[in-house]
Protein backbone atom coordinates (compact mmCIF):
# COMPACT_ATOMS: atom_id res chain seq x y z
CA UNK A 1 -7.76 11.94 -4.10
CA UNK A 2 -11.49 12.34 -3.36
CA UNK A 3 -11.24 15.37 -1.09
CA UNK A 4 -13.05 15.58 2.22
CA UNK A 5 -16.03 13.56 0.97
CA UNK A 6 -14.05 10.31 1.03
CA UNK A 7 -12.93 10.65 4.66
CA UNK A 8 -14.60 8.61 7.41
CA UNK A 9 -15.50 10.49 10.59
CA UNK A 10 -13.84 13.71 11.84
CA UNK A 11 -16.89 15.75 10.80
CA UNK A 12 -16.16 18.68 13.14
CA UNK A 13 -12.56 19.04 11.97
CA UNK A 14 -13.54 18.79 8.30
CA UNK A 15 -16.30 21.39 8.70
CA UNK A 16 -13.83 23.77 10.38
CA UNK A 17 -11.37 23.39 7.49
CA UNK A 18 -14.09 23.78 4.84
CA UNK A 19 -15.26 27.01 6.44
CA UNK A 20 -11.68 28.30 6.49
CA UNK A 21 -11.39 27.67 2.73
CA UNK A 22 -14.72 29.33 1.88
CA UNK A 23 -14.20 32.35 4.15
CA UNK A 24 -10.51 32.78 3.35
CA UNK A 25 -9.81 32.85 7.10
CA UNK A 26 -6.97 30.35 6.80
CA UNK A 27 -4.38 30.09 9.56
CA UNK A 28 -0.70 30.08 8.65
CA UNK A 29 -0.13 26.94 10.75
CA UNK A 30 -2.18 23.94 11.84
CA UNK A 31 -1.17 21.18 14.23
CA UNK A 32 -3.13 18.02 13.41
CA UNK A 33 -2.84 15.49 16.23
CA UNK A 34 -4.10 11.90 16.25
CA UNK A 35 -3.07 8.30 16.73
CA UNK A 36 -1.39 6.45 13.86
CA UNK A 37 -3.95 5.54 11.21
CA UNK A 38 -6.57 8.10 12.25
CA UNK A 39 -6.31 9.98 8.95
CA UNK A 40 -3.97 12.92 9.65
CA UNK A 41 -2.25 12.68 6.27
CA UNK A 42 -5.53 12.13 4.40
CA UNK A 43 -7.10 15.22 5.99
CA UNK A 44 -3.96 17.32 5.35
CA UNK A 45 -3.91 16.28 1.68
CA UNK A 46 -7.64 16.99 1.29
CA UNK A 47 -7.26 20.41 2.94
CA UNK A 48 -4.29 21.27 0.72
CA UNK A 49 -6.23 20.25 -2.41
CA UNK A 50 -9.27 22.28 -1.28
CA UNK A 51 -7.12 25.36 -0.67
CA UNK A 52 -5.61 25.15 -4.15
CA UNK A 53 -8.84 24.21 -5.96
CA UNK A 54 -9.71 26.77 -8.63
CA UNK A 55 -13.40 26.74 -7.63
CA UNK A 56 -12.78 27.59 -3.97
CA UNK A 57 -16.00 26.00 -2.73
CA UNK A 58 -14.61 24.40 0.43
CA UNK A 59 -13.66 21.03 -1.02
CA UNK A 60 -11.54 19.86 -3.94
CA UNK A 61 -13.68 19.65 -7.07
CA UNK A 62 -11.45 16.89 -8.46
CA UNK A 63 -11.66 18.12 -12.03
CA UNK A 64 -9.76 21.42 -12.31
CA UNK A 65 -6.09 21.51 -13.28
CA UNK A 66 -5.01 22.21 -9.69
CA UNK A 67 -7.04 19.30 -8.28
CA UNK A 68 -5.62 16.91 -10.88
CA UNK A 69 -2.10 18.01 -9.93
CA UNK A 70 -2.86 17.52 -6.22
CA UNK A 71 -4.36 14.07 -6.84
CA UNK A 72 -1.22 12.95 -8.70
CA UNK A 73 1.02 14.47 -5.97
CA UNK A 74 2.54 16.78 -8.57
CA UNK A 75 1.24 20.15 -7.42
CA UNK A 76 4.24 22.52 -7.26
CA UNK A 77 2.74 24.49 -4.35
CA UNK A 78 1.92 21.48 -2.12
CA UNK A 79 5.18 20.31 -0.57
CA UNK A 80 5.50 17.15 1.53
CA UNK A 81 8.52 17.49 3.82
CA UNK A 82 10.56 14.27 3.92
CA UNK A 83 13.45 13.07 6.08
CA UNK A 84 16.12 10.41 5.63
CA UNK A 85 16.72 9.32 9.23
CA UNK A 86 13.77 7.31 10.58
CA UNK A 87 14.14 8.70 14.10
CA UNK A 88 14.45 12.42 13.50
CA UNK A 89 13.87 15.39 11.20
CA UNK A 90 17.01 17.50 11.17
CA UNK A 91 17.49 21.25 10.94
CA UNK A 92 19.03 20.99 7.45
CA UNK A 93 15.94 19.19 6.13
CA UNK A 94 13.58 21.80 7.59
CA UNK A 95 15.69 24.65 6.26
CA UNK A 96 16.07 23.22 2.75
CA UNK A 97 12.51 22.01 2.25
CA UNK A 98 10.55 24.64 4.19
CA UNK A 99 12.31 27.64 5.76
CA UNK A 100 14.29 28.63 2.67
CA UNK A 101 11.75 27.39 0.14
CA UNK A 102 8.86 29.36 1.65
CA UNK A 103 10.55 32.61 0.59
CA UNK A 104 9.80 31.69 -3.04
CA UNK A 105 6.29 32.75 -4.02
CA UNK A 106 3.73 30.15 -5.19
CA UNK A 107 4.12 29.00 -8.79
CA UNK A 108 0.46 28.93 -9.74
CA UNK A 109 -1.61 28.52 -6.57
CA UNK A 110 -3.06 31.01 -4.12
CA UNK A 111 -1.17 29.31 -1.28
CA UNK A 112 2.09 27.52 -0.74
CA UNK A 113 1.37 24.57 1.54
CA UNK A 114 3.85 22.49 3.52
CA UNK A 115 2.83 19.15 5.03
CA UNK A 116 5.18 17.83 7.74
CA UNK A 117 4.36 14.21 8.77
CA UNK A 118 5.75 12.96 12.10
CA UNK A 119 6.41 16.54 13.20
CA UNK A 120 7.23 15.35 16.71
CA UNK A 121 10.46 13.94 15.26
CA UNK A 122 11.84 17.41 14.53
CA UNK A 123 14.99 18.04 16.54
CA UNK A 124 15.09 21.07 18.85
CA UNK A 125 17.25 22.84 16.27
CA UNK A 126 14.77 22.06 13.49
CA UNK A 127 11.87 23.33 15.60
CA UNK A 128 13.70 26.56 16.39
CA UNK A 129 14.45 27.07 12.70
CA UNK A 130 10.77 26.55 11.88
CA UNK A 131 9.73 28.90 14.69
CA UNK A 132 11.18 31.92 12.89
CA UNK A 133 8.96 31.15 9.89
CA UNK A 134 5.90 30.65 12.11
CA UNK A 135 6.53 34.02 13.77
CA UNK A 136 6.71 35.94 10.47
CA UNK A 137 5.17 33.78 7.73
CA UNK A 138 4.58 35.05 4.19
CA UNK A 139 0.89 35.76 3.56
CA UNK A 140 0.60 32.78 1.20
CA UNK A 141 2.18 30.17 3.52
CA UNK A 142 0.17 27.39 5.17
CA UNK A 143 2.09 24.87 7.30
CA UNK A 144 0.44 21.60 8.38
CA UNK A 145 2.26 19.78 11.16
CA UNK A 146 1.05 16.20 11.66
CA UNK A 147 1.81 14.46 14.94
CA UNK A 148 0.81 11.62 17.23
CA UNK A 149 1.94 13.66 20.25
CA UNK A 150 1.83 17.45 20.22
CA UNK A 151 3.38 17.46 23.70
CA UNK A 152 6.76 16.61 22.16
CA UNK A 153 6.82 19.93 20.29
CA UNK A 154 8.06 23.20 21.79
CA UNK A 155 5.44 25.32 23.54
CA UNK A 156 6.36 28.18 21.23
CA UNK A 157 5.55 26.01 18.20
CA UNK A 158 2.22 24.82 19.61
CA UNK A 159 1.13 28.33 20.60
CA UNK A 160 1.45 29.52 16.99
CA UNK A 161 -0.67 26.74 15.51
CA UNK A 162 -4.38 25.98 15.37
CA UNK A 163 -4.63 22.61 17.14
CA UNK A 164 -6.95 20.03 15.55
CA UNK A 165 -7.39 16.85 17.58
CA UNK A 166 -8.55 13.83 15.59
CA UNK A 167 -10.71 11.63 17.78
CA UNK A 168 -11.06 7.88 17.16
CA UNK A 169 -13.66 7.06 14.49
CA UNK A 170 -16.68 5.19 15.98
CA UNK A 171 -16.63 1.42 15.42
CA UNK A 172 -19.95 1.48 13.54
CA UNK A 173 -18.54 3.89 10.93
CA UNK A 174 -15.34 1.87 10.53
CA UNK A 175 -17.35 -1.36 10.21
CA UNK A 176 -19.73 0.09 7.60
CA UNK A 177 -16.83 1.43 5.54
CA UNK A 178 -14.95 -1.90 5.63
CA UNK A 179 -18.03 -3.84 4.51
CA UNK A 180 -18.80 -1.41 1.70
CA UNK A 181 -15.31 -0.81 0.32
CA UNK A 182 -13.43 -4.03 1.15
CA UNK A 183 -16.48 -6.29 0.90
CA UNK A 184 -15.59 -8.33 3.96
CA UNK A 185 -18.26 -10.22 5.95
CA UNK A 186 -20.11 -8.65 8.87
CA UNK A 187 -18.27 -10.72 11.51
CA UNK A 188 -14.78 -9.90 10.25
CA UNK A 189 -15.66 -6.20 9.91
CA UNK A 190 -16.87 -6.22 13.52
CA UNK A 191 -13.58 -7.63 14.74
CA UNK A 192 -11.38 -5.36 12.61
CA UNK A 193 -13.32 -2.29 13.75
CA UNK A 194 -12.97 -3.29 17.40
CA UNK A 195 -9.24 -3.99 17.07
CA UNK A 196 -8.64 -0.72 15.26
CA UNK A 197 -9.68 1.42 18.26
CA UNK A 198 -10.90 4.16 15.95
CA UNK A 199 -7.97 3.97 13.53
CA UNK A 200 -9.28 3.48 10.00
CA UNK A 201 -5.77 2.79 8.70
CA UNK A 202 -5.25 -0.02 11.21
CA UNK A 203 -8.68 -1.49 10.46
CA UNK A 204 -7.89 -1.52 6.73
CA UNK A 205 -4.52 -3.16 7.39
CA UNK A 206 -6.07 -5.97 9.42
CA UNK A 207 -9.01 -6.44 7.06
CA UNK A 208 -6.69 -6.62 4.04
CA UNK A 209 -4.32 -9.07 5.69
CA UNK A 210 -4.31 -12.53 4.14
CA UNK A 211 -3.16 -13.79 7.54
CA UNK A 212 -5.97 -12.25 9.57
CA UNK A 213 -7.46 -15.56 10.71
CA UNK A 214 -4.02 -16.99 11.49
CA UNK A 215 -3.16 -13.91 13.57
CA UNK A 216 -6.40 -14.18 15.53
CA UNK A 217 -6.05 -17.95 15.98
CA UNK A 218 -2.51 -17.50 17.31
CA UNK A 219 -3.67 -14.93 19.86
CA UNK A 220 -6.66 -17.03 20.95
CA UNK A 221 -4.54 -20.16 21.35
CA UNK A 222 -2.13 -18.24 23.55
CA UNK A 223 -4.91 -16.85 25.75
CA UNK A 224 -6.59 -20.23 26.17
CA UNK A 225 -3.31 -21.87 27.25
CA UNK A 226 -1.53 -19.02 29.04
CA UNK A 227 -2.11 -20.42 32.54
CA UNK A 228 -0.24 -23.61 31.70
CA UNK A 229 2.64 -22.02 29.79
CA UNK A 230 6.02 -20.87 31.06
CA UNK A 231 6.91 -17.22 30.52
CA UNK A 232 9.70 -18.07 28.04
CA UNK A 233 7.20 -20.03 25.92
CA UNK A 234 4.79 -17.10 25.93
CA UNK A 235 7.45 -14.57 24.92
CA UNK A 236 8.56 -16.86 22.08
CA UNK A 237 4.95 -17.19 20.88
CA UNK A 238 4.45 -13.41 20.84
CA UNK A 239 7.76 -12.91 19.04
CA UNK A 240 6.55 -15.34 16.40
CA UNK A 241 3.75 -12.97 15.29
CA UNK A 242 6.23 -10.93 13.23
CA UNK A 243 5.83 -13.58 10.53
CA UNK A 244 2.34 -12.16 9.96
CA UNK A 245 3.78 -8.71 9.23
CA UNK A 246 1.76 -6.89 11.87
CA UNK A 247 3.09 -4.82 14.74
CA UNK A 248 3.20 -6.06 18.31
CA UNK A 249 0.80 -3.17 19.10
CA UNK A 250 -1.80 -4.74 16.81
CA UNK A 251 -1.29 -8.11 18.47
CA UNK A 252 -1.70 -6.54 21.91
CA UNK A 253 -4.91 -4.90 20.71
CA UNK A 254 -6.26 -8.34 19.80
CA UNK A 255 -5.54 -9.49 23.35
CA UNK A 256 -7.19 -6.35 24.73
CA UNK A 257 -10.40 -6.99 22.78
CA UNK A 258 -10.59 -10.52 24.21
CA UNK A 259 -10.19 -9.29 27.80
CA UNK A 260 -12.75 -6.52 27.18
CA UNK A 261 -15.15 -9.23 26.01
CA UNK A 262 -14.48 -11.21 29.20
CA UNK A 263 -15.10 -8.12 31.33
CA UNK A 264 -18.23 -7.20 29.37
CA UNK A 265 -19.70 -10.71 29.62
CA UNK A 266 -18.91 -10.92 33.33
CA UNK A 267 -20.78 -7.67 33.94
CA UNK A 268 -23.76 -8.20 31.62
CA UNK A 269 -24.03 -11.86 30.55
CA UNK A 270 -24.96 -10.36 27.17
CA UNK A 271 -23.71 -12.60 24.36
CA UNK A 272 -24.77 -10.16 21.62
CA UNK A 273 -22.38 -7.46 22.88
CA UNK A 274 -19.32 -9.69 22.57
CA UNK A 275 -16.99 -9.04 19.63
CA UNK A 276 -15.27 -12.44 19.54
CA UNK A 277 -18.45 -14.51 19.45
CA UNK A 278 -16.61 -17.63 18.26
CA UNK A 279 -14.62 -17.53 21.52
CA UNK A 280 -17.67 -17.60 23.77
CA UNK A 281 -16.67 -20.80 25.57
CA UNK A 282 -13.27 -19.42 26.66
CA UNK A 283 -14.73 -16.00 27.42
CA UNK A 284 -17.49 -17.52 29.58
CA UNK A 285 -14.95 -19.69 31.43
CA UNK A 286 -12.61 -16.77 32.15
CA UNK A 287 -15.47 -14.51 33.19
CA UNK A 288 -16.44 -17.02 35.89
CA UNK A 289 -12.90 -17.35 37.31
CA UNK A 290 -11.58 -13.77 36.94
CA UNK A 291 -12.35 -10.80 39.18
CA UNK A 292 -13.34 -7.34 37.94
CA UNK A 293 -10.20 -5.93 39.54
CA UNK A 294 -8.02 -8.56 37.88
CA UNK A 295 -9.44 -7.92 34.42
CA UNK A 296 -9.01 -4.17 34.81
CA UNK A 297 -5.40 -4.73 35.92
CA UNK A 298 -4.77 -6.81 32.78
CA UNK A 299 -6.23 -4.17 30.45
CA UNK A 300 -4.10 -1.50 32.14
CA UNK A 301 -1.05 -3.78 31.84
CA UNK A 302 -1.62 -4.13 28.08
CA UNK A 303 -1.68 -0.33 27.69
CA UNK A 304 1.43 -0.04 29.86
CA UNK A 305 3.21 -2.61 27.66
CA UNK A 306 2.50 -0.45 24.59
CA UNK A 307 3.94 2.60 26.32
CA UNK A 308 7.06 0.64 27.33
CA UNK A 309 7.57 -0.64 23.79
CA UNK A 310 7.22 2.92 22.44
CA UNK A 311 9.90 3.97 24.93
CA UNK A 312 12.18 1.19 23.59
CA UNK A 313 12.08 -0.85 26.81
CA UNK A 314 13.43 -4.37 26.23
CA UNK A 315 10.83 -6.50 24.38
CA UNK A 316 11.34 -9.69 26.43
CA UNK A 317 11.15 -7.79 29.73
CA UNK A 318 7.99 -5.96 28.64
CA UNK A 319 6.27 -9.19 27.61
CA UNK A 320 7.35 -10.97 30.79
CA UNK A 321 5.85 -8.22 32.97
CA UNK A 322 2.62 -8.22 30.96
CA UNK A 323 2.07 -11.97 30.96
CA UNK A 324 2.99 -12.30 34.64
CA UNK A 325 0.09 -9.90 35.29
CA UNK A 326 -2.17 -11.97 33.00
CA UNK A 327 -1.20 -15.26 34.66
CA UNK A 328 -1.70 -13.84 38.16
CA UNK A 329 -5.17 -12.45 37.36
């Protein structure tokens, strides 16, 4: 663990947390909200390490006994709350790992820190059990709730937390990091950064994928032939992407980047601003035959498809609705 210094972006949030460590004005509860892959867990771990660091200078020094324990995930006073069921965090898990445990004083740290990933998955009972602790926390307790959607938590939970919203990391920062740390070429870093939509985790996943070019080629082939394909063929082609071990969301993001390129080129005729430069022929062709309204409808339809998939709407139906919109526009 390299502390805050190894984190890309989120400068305002990191500065706020550093100041809290230095001043000792640490809240008992933080709600860290951001899309998957934006660095919620990384920031929570860095904050926990900084709070427990023996030097207390705002960031983990990396060399003291406490920092070494935090880096190896063996610090007795930094607890990561886990859950067995993928869809929910139950009241028994919150009670056993947090509510009851927090009554025991820290073993050797100044604080006792609880990190709760996917906090939105807490059941109503679990949230109510946690609420009692948030209302009357021990002086040494710091609870970090990580979530992709704070709106799914009770108002009473949210009102007792300091809310930290993680904004998407700018493409230029993601690109620079990928080129430096993963040593991928400029062109591939450009594409991965654009697809990631500010999510460093997603950018790393795509950049590290041995199948990256195959994934992109599959998406491009589909887009270049979509007008001549039947809906059942299209749905089968999209279903086939699971062989590349990426999510359908990632695949839809690839499609979105292509349509953004078409819209951008139609509006500006600027080749340099296009992400998928090797697809210029298809982009130029579609820009000449598509309307601004149609392209905007397609981009909205892609976002709507993601929302439907998150809500467990039938996959085939979701893809049919999306590609009917694409074919019509």
